[in-house]
C-alpha cells in the first residue's frame, strides 16, 4: 500500500501572513511598503541599464546626484513624487503612470 505524500507547500501569501501578519496589520503594511520601494528601485535600475546609462549619466540628466540614484536603486532612500517623475521623464525619457488599488 502506497503512502500518500503530504503537501508541504506553502503559498507565498500564506508565508507572508505567517511571517508578517495579515494585510492591514502594522508590520505587514510596513513590509508591503518596503517591498514596493524595492521594486521601484529595481525598475529604475533596469530601465537605466537597458539604455546603457550609468548612474552618473542618469543623475546629470535629471538634476540629481549619482549617490542619490544609487540609494534609490538600493532601496536606501525615500523618493519624492516630483523627483521620481523627473527621473522617469527627463532622465529616462519614459512616462510615469500611477495606480491606486485597495
N, C-alpha and C. Protein backbone atom coordinates (compact mmCIF):
# COMPACT_ATOMS: atom_id res chain seq x y z
N UNK A 1 0.83 -1.17 0.00
CA UNK A 1 0.00 0.00 0.00
C UNK A 1 0.89 1.25 0.00
N UNK A 2 0.61 2.17 -0.93
CA UNK A 2 1.40 3.38 -1.04
C UNK A 2 0.94 4.41 -0.02
N UNK A 3 1.93 5.06 0.57
CA UNK A 3 1.59 6.18 1.45
C UNK A 3 1.47 7.43 0.59
N UNK A 4 0.44 8.21 0.85
CA UNK A 4 0.30 9.46 0.11
C UNK A 4 1.27 10.49 0.67
N UNK A 5 1.88 11.20 -0.25
CA UNK A 5 2.79 12.27 0.17
C UNK A 5 1.96 13.43 0.69
N UNK A 6 2.45 14.01 1.76
CA UNK A 6 1.77 15.19 2.29
C UNK A 6 2.22 16.40 1.49
N UNK A 7 1.30 17.29 1.25
CA UNK A 7 1.60 18.52 0.53
C UNK A 7 2.13 19.54 1.54
N UNK A 8 3.43 19.74 1.53
CA UNK A 8 4.06 20.67 2.47
C UNK A 8 4.32 22.02 1.85
N UNK A 9 3.75 22.29 0.69
CA UNK A 9 3.96 23.56 0.03
C UNK A 9 3.12 24.65 0.70
N UNK A 10 3.73 25.79 0.85
CA UNK A 10 3.04 26.94 1.41
C UNK A 10 3.00 28.03 0.35
N UNK A 11 1.86 28.64 0.15
CA UNK A 11 1.77 29.73 -0.82
C UNK A 11 2.56 30.93 -0.28
N UNK A 12 2.97 31.78 -1.20
CA UNK A 12 3.72 32.97 -0.79
C UNK A 12 2.86 33.86 0.10
N UNK A 13 1.59 33.96 -0.23
CA UNK A 13 0.66 34.75 0.57
C UNK A 13 0.56 34.20 2.00
N UNK A 14 0.47 32.88 2.12
CA UNK A 14 0.41 32.26 3.45
C UNK A 14 1.71 32.49 4.21
N UNK A 15 2.81 32.42 3.48
CA UNK A 15 4.12 32.68 4.11
C UNK A 15 4.17 34.10 4.66
N UNK A 16 3.72 35.07 3.86
CA UNK A 16 3.73 36.46 4.32
C UNK A 16 2.81 36.64 5.53
N UNK A 17 1.63 36.00 5.48
CA UNK A 17 0.71 36.08 6.61
C UNK A 17 1.36 35.56 7.89
N UNK A 18 2.07 34.44 7.77
CA UNK A 18 2.71 33.84 8.94
C UNK A 18 3.88 34.69 9.43
N UNK A 19 4.66 35.20 8.49
CA UNK A 19 5.87 35.94 8.86
C UNK A 19 5.58 37.37 9.31
N UNK A 20 4.65 38.07 8.60
CA UNK A 20 4.41 39.49 8.86
C UNK A 20 3.00 39.81 9.33
N UNK A 21 2.15 38.82 9.42
CA UNK A 21 0.77 39.06 9.83
C UNK A 21 -0.11 39.32 8.62
N UNK A 22 -1.39 39.37 8.87
CA UNK A 22 -2.37 39.59 7.81
C UNK A 22 -2.27 41.01 7.28
N UNK A 23 -2.74 41.20 6.04
CA UNK A 23 -2.81 42.55 5.47
C UNK A 23 -3.62 43.44 6.40
N UNK A 24 -3.16 44.65 6.55
CA UNK A 24 -3.84 45.60 7.43
C UNK A 24 -3.14 45.75 8.77
N UNK A 25 -2.32 44.77 9.15
CA UNK A 25 -1.57 44.91 10.39
C UNK A 25 -0.38 45.84 10.14
N UNK A 26 0.08 46.48 11.17
CA UNK A 26 1.16 47.45 11.05
C UNK A 26 2.43 46.84 10.47
N UNK A 27 2.80 45.67 10.94
CA UNK A 27 4.03 45.02 10.47
C UNK A 27 3.90 44.64 9.00
N UNK A 28 2.75 44.09 8.61
CA UNK A 28 2.56 43.68 7.22
C UNK A 28 2.54 44.89 6.29
N UNK A 29 1.90 45.96 6.71
CA UNK A 29 1.85 47.15 5.86
C UNK A 29 3.25 47.77 5.69
N UNK A 30 4.05 47.72 6.74
CA UNK A 30 5.43 48.21 6.64
C UNK A 30 6.21 47.35 5.65
N UNK A 31 6.02 46.03 5.72
CA UNK A 31 6.68 45.12 4.77
C UNK A 31 6.25 45.44 3.34
N UNK A 32 4.96 45.59 3.12
CA UNK A 32 4.43 45.86 1.78
C UNK A 32 5.00 47.17 1.23
N UNK A 33 5.08 48.18 2.08
CA UNK A 33 5.62 49.48 1.66
C UNK A 33 7.10 49.35 1.27
N UNK A 34 7.86 48.64 2.06
CA UNK A 34 9.28 48.42 1.76
C UNK A 34 9.44 47.64 0.46
N UNK A 35 8.58 46.67 0.24
CA UNK A 35 8.66 45.86 -0.97
C UNK A 35 8.38 46.70 -2.20
N UNK A 36 7.40 47.60 -2.12
CA UNK A 36 7.08 48.49 -3.25
C UNK A 36 8.26 49.41 -3.54
N UNK A 37 8.92 49.93 -2.51
CA UNK A 37 10.10 50.78 -2.70
C UNK A 37 11.22 49.99 -3.36
N UNK A 38 11.40 48.74 -2.93
CA UNK A 38 12.41 47.87 -3.54
C UNK A 38 12.12 47.67 -5.02
N UNK A 39 10.87 47.37 -5.35
CA UNK A 39 10.50 47.16 -6.75
C UNK A 39 10.76 48.40 -7.59
N UNK A 40 10.46 49.57 -7.03
CA UNK A 40 10.69 50.82 -7.74
C UNK A 40 12.18 51.01 -8.04
N UNK A 41 13.03 50.73 -7.07
CA UNK A 41 14.47 50.84 -7.28
C UNK A 41 14.96 49.90 -8.35
N UNK A 42 14.46 48.67 -8.34
CA UNK A 42 14.85 47.69 -9.36
C UNK A 42 14.37 48.14 -10.73
N UNK A 43 13.16 48.66 -10.81
CA UNK A 43 12.61 49.12 -12.08
C UNK A 43 13.47 50.24 -12.66
N UNK A 44 13.84 51.21 -11.84
CA UNK A 44 14.68 52.32 -12.31
C UNK A 44 16.03 51.79 -12.78
N UNK A 45 16.62 50.90 -12.01
CA UNK A 45 17.92 50.33 -12.39
C UNK A 45 17.82 49.58 -13.72
N UNK A 46 16.79 48.78 -13.89
CA UNK A 46 16.63 48.02 -15.13
C UNK A 46 16.43 48.94 -16.33
N UNK A 47 15.63 50.00 -16.16
CA UNK A 47 15.42 50.93 -17.27
C UNK A 47 16.72 51.66 -17.61
N UNK A 48 17.45 52.06 -16.60
CA UNK A 48 18.73 52.75 -16.81
C UNK A 48 19.70 51.84 -17.55
N UNK A 49 19.84 50.61 -17.09
CA UNK A 49 20.77 49.67 -17.72
C UNK A 49 20.35 49.32 -19.14
N UNK A 50 19.06 49.24 -19.39
CA UNK A 50 18.55 48.96 -20.74
C UNK A 50 18.98 50.06 -21.71
N UNK A 51 19.12 51.27 -21.21
CA UNK A 51 19.55 52.40 -22.03
C UNK A 51 21.07 52.58 -22.00
N UNK A 52 21.78 51.59 -21.43
CA UNK A 52 23.25 51.65 -21.31
C UNK A 52 23.71 52.96 -20.68
N UNK A 53 23.03 53.34 -19.62
CA UNK A 53 23.31 54.59 -18.93
C UNK A 53 23.89 54.29 -17.56
N UNK A 54 24.89 55.05 -17.15
CA UNK A 54 25.43 54.91 -15.80
C UNK A 54 24.57 55.69 -14.82
N UNK A 55 24.76 55.43 -13.55
CA UNK A 55 24.05 56.21 -12.54
C UNK A 55 24.42 57.68 -12.65
N UNK A 56 25.67 57.96 -12.93
CA UNK A 56 26.14 59.34 -13.08
C UNK A 56 25.44 60.03 -14.25
N UNK A 57 25.33 59.34 -15.37
CA UNK A 57 24.66 59.92 -16.54
C UNK A 57 23.19 60.21 -16.25
N UNK A 58 22.53 59.27 -15.58
CA UNK A 58 21.12 59.48 -15.22
C UNK A 58 20.99 60.66 -14.27
N UNK A 59 21.86 60.74 -13.31
CA UNK A 59 21.82 61.83 -12.33
C UNK A 59 21.96 63.19 -13.02
N UNK A 60 22.89 63.30 -13.95
CA UNK A 60 23.10 64.56 -14.67
C UNK A 60 21.86 64.93 -15.48
N UNK A 61 21.26 63.95 -16.15
CA UNK A 61 20.09 64.20 -16.99
C UNK A 61 18.88 64.69 -16.19
N UNK A 62 18.76 64.26 -14.94
CA UNK A 62 17.57 64.64 -14.17
C UNK A 62 17.89 65.57 -13.01
N UNK A 63 19.13 66.06 -12.95
CA UNK A 63 19.47 67.09 -11.97
C UNK A 63 19.59 66.60 -10.54
N UNK A 64 20.16 65.44 -10.36
CA UNK A 64 20.40 64.94 -9.01
C UNK A 64 21.82 64.39 -8.94
N UNK A 65 22.12 63.61 -7.93
CA UNK A 65 23.48 63.10 -7.78
C UNK A 65 23.52 61.60 -8.00
N UNK A 66 24.70 61.10 -8.35
CA UNK A 66 24.91 59.67 -8.52
C UNK A 66 24.58 58.92 -7.24
N UNK A 67 24.99 59.49 -6.11
CA UNK A 67 24.74 58.80 -4.83
C UNK A 67 23.24 58.69 -4.54
N UNK A 68 22.46 59.69 -4.94
CA UNK A 68 21.01 59.63 -4.74
C UNK A 68 20.39 58.54 -5.62
N UNK A 69 20.82 58.46 -6.87
CA UNK A 69 20.34 57.40 -7.77
C UNK A 69 20.69 56.05 -7.18
N UNK A 70 21.92 55.91 -6.69
CA UNK A 70 22.36 54.65 -6.09
C UNK A 70 21.50 54.29 -4.88
N UNK A 71 21.21 55.26 -4.03
CA UNK A 71 20.39 54.99 -2.85
C UNK A 71 18.98 54.55 -3.24
N UNK A 72 18.43 55.16 -4.28
CA UNK A 72 17.09 54.76 -4.75
C UNK A 72 17.13 53.33 -5.28
N UNK A 73 18.13 53.04 -6.11
CA UNK A 73 18.22 51.70 -6.70
C UNK A 73 18.49 50.63 -5.65
N UNK A 74 19.10 51.00 -4.55
CA UNK A 74 19.41 50.04 -3.50
C UNK A 74 18.45 50.12 -2.32
N UNK A 75 17.30 50.79 -2.53
CA UNK A 75 16.24 50.86 -1.54
C UNK A 75 16.70 51.48 -0.23
N UNK A 76 17.61 52.44 -0.33
CA UNK A 76 18.11 53.06 0.89
C UNK A 76 17.62 54.49 1.05
N UNK A 77 16.70 54.91 0.20
CA UNK A 77 16.24 56.29 0.26
C UNK A 77 14.78 56.39 -0.14
N UNK A 78 14.04 57.20 0.60
CA UNK A 78 12.69 57.53 0.18
C UNK A 78 12.80 58.48 -1.01
N UNK A 79 11.80 58.50 -1.85
CA UNK A 79 11.84 59.34 -3.04
C UNK A 79 10.56 60.16 -3.13
N UNK A 80 10.73 61.43 -3.40
CA UNK A 80 9.58 62.30 -3.58
C UNK A 80 8.98 62.06 -4.96
N UNK A 81 7.67 62.24 -5.07
CA UNK A 81 7.00 62.03 -6.34
C UNK A 81 7.58 62.93 -7.43
N UNK A 82 7.84 64.18 -7.10
CA UNK A 82 8.39 65.11 -8.11
C UNK A 82 9.76 64.63 -8.60
N UNK A 83 10.57 64.08 -7.71
CA UNK A 83 11.87 63.55 -8.11
C UNK A 83 11.71 62.30 -8.95
N UNK A 84 10.80 61.43 -8.55
CA UNK A 84 10.53 60.22 -9.33
C UNK A 84 10.10 60.59 -10.75
N UNK A 85 9.21 61.55 -10.86
CA UNK A 85 8.74 61.98 -12.18
C UNK A 85 9.90 62.53 -13.01
N UNK A 86 10.77 63.30 -12.40
CA UNK A 86 11.92 63.86 -13.11
C UNK A 86 12.87 62.76 -13.59
N UNK A 87 13.12 61.76 -12.74
CA UNK A 87 13.99 60.65 -13.11
C UNK A 87 13.40 59.88 -14.29
N UNK A 88 12.11 59.57 -14.21
CA UNK A 88 11.45 58.78 -15.25
C UNK A 88 11.33 59.58 -16.55
N UNK A 89 10.87 60.83 -16.45
CA UNK A 89 10.60 61.61 -17.66
C UNK A 89 11.86 62.23 -18.26
N UNK A 90 12.60 63.00 -17.48
CA UNK A 90 13.78 63.69 -18.00
C UNK A 90 14.97 62.75 -18.13
N UNK A 91 15.17 61.94 -17.11
CA UNK A 91 16.35 61.08 -17.09
C UNK A 91 16.25 59.89 -18.01
N UNK A 92 15.08 59.24 -18.01
CA UNK A 92 14.92 58.00 -18.77
C UNK A 92 14.05 58.16 -20.02
N UNK A 93 13.41 59.33 -20.17
CA UNK A 93 12.58 59.57 -21.35
C UNK A 93 11.34 58.70 -21.39
N UNK A 94 10.85 58.32 -20.24
CA UNK A 94 9.65 57.46 -20.16
C UNK A 94 8.50 58.25 -19.53
N UNK A 95 7.36 57.60 -19.43
CA UNK A 95 6.18 58.21 -18.82
C UNK A 95 5.83 57.44 -17.55
N UNK A 96 5.39 58.18 -16.54
CA UNK A 96 5.01 57.58 -15.27
C UNK A 96 3.50 57.52 -15.16
N UNK A 97 2.99 56.34 -14.85
CA UNK A 97 1.55 56.16 -14.64
C UNK A 97 1.38 55.50 -13.28
N UNK A 98 0.59 56.11 -12.42
CA UNK A 98 0.36 55.57 -11.09
C UNK A 98 -1.02 54.94 -11.02
N UNK A 99 -1.11 53.88 -10.23
CA UNK A 99 -2.38 53.21 -9.99
C UNK A 99 -2.55 53.01 -8.50
N UNK A 100 -3.73 53.25 -8.02
CA UNK A 100 -4.04 53.03 -6.62
C UNK A 100 -4.99 51.84 -6.54
N UNK A 101 -4.65 50.87 -5.68
CA UNK A 101 -5.51 49.69 -5.51
C UNK A 101 -5.82 49.51 -4.04
N UNK A 102 -6.86 48.78 -3.78
CA UNK A 102 -7.21 48.51 -2.38
C UNK A 102 -7.04 47.05 -2.07
